[in-house]
Amino acid sequence: MPAAGHGQLAPGVDPDAVAGLLALLAYGVNLRSRTGADPAALEATVTGALALYAK
């Protein structure tokens, strides 16, 4: 069941837009981790980006 069906998205959030954001985050994290980025910094970036959309 999708996140929207579980009530995990904030009201008014477009699930398709969040799916696109997740794809971009995964790509960016992959690129940055391959160049030696600090894992804590990567986690903070993802957490901050997703906090805007989570309930």
Protein backbone atom coordinates (compact mmCIF):
# COMPACT_ATOMS: atom_id res chain seq x y z
CA MET A 1 0.00 0.00 0.00
CA PRO A 2 1.36 3.46 -0.88
CA ALA A 3 2.39 5.97 1.75
CA ALA A 4 -0.71 8.08 1.06
CA GLY A 5 -2.90 5.06 1.85
CA HIS A 6 -1.10 4.67 5.18
CA GLY A 7 -1.65 8.33 6.04
CA GLN A 8 2.08 9.04 5.96
CA LEU A 9 1.98 12.10 3.69
CA ALA A 10 1.07 15.57 4.83
CA PRO A 11 -2.31 16.84 3.62
CA GLY A 12 -2.23 18.21 0.08
CA VAL A 13 1.05 16.52 -0.88
CA ASP A 14 1.16 15.12 -4.40
CA PRO A 15 2.34 11.49 -4.16
CA ASP A 16 3.76 11.60 -7.70
CA ALA A 17 5.85 14.65 -6.85
CA VAL A 18 7.19 12.92 -3.75
CA ALA A 19 8.04 9.85 -5.83
CA GLY A 20 10.08 12.08 -8.14
CA LEU A 21 11.79 13.65 -5.15
CA LEU A 22 12.69 10.21 -3.80
CA ALA A 23 14.23 9.24 -7.13
CA LEU A 24 16.31 12.42 -7.21
CA LEU A 25 17.40 11.96 -3.60
CA ALA A 26 18.45 8.37 -4.26
CA TYR A 27 20.45 9.46 -7.29
CA GLY A 28 22.10 12.32 -5.42
CA VAL A 29 22.91 10.22 -2.38
CA ASN A 30 24.41 7.54 -4.61
CA LEU A 31 26.62 10.07 -6.42
CA ARG A 32 27.72 11.81 -3.24
CA SER A 33 28.41 8.58 -1.37
CA ARG A 34 30.64 7.37 -4.21
CA THR A 35 32.74 10.51 -3.83
CA GLY A 36 33.19 9.98 -0.10
CA ALA A 37 30.47 12.15 1.40
CA ASP A 38 29.94 11.78 5.13
CA PRO A 39 27.05 9.35 5.80
CA ALA A 40 25.67 11.58 8.56
CA ALA A 41 25.55 14.52 6.15
CA LEU A 42 23.74 12.41 3.56
CA GLU A 43 21.22 11.26 6.15
CA ALA A 44 20.63 14.84 7.31
CA THR A 45 20.01 15.93 3.73
CA VAL A 46 17.46 13.19 3.09
CA THR A 47 15.75 13.68 6.45
CA GLY A 48 15.46 17.42 5.86
CA ALA A 49 14.06 17.01 2.37
CA LEU A 50 11.49 14.41 3.38
CA ALA A 51 10.39 16.26 6.52
CA LEU A 52 8.58 18.77 4.33
CA TYR A 53 6.27 16.05 3.01
CA ALA A 54 5.84 13.68 5.94
CA LYS A 55 2.91 13.77 8.29
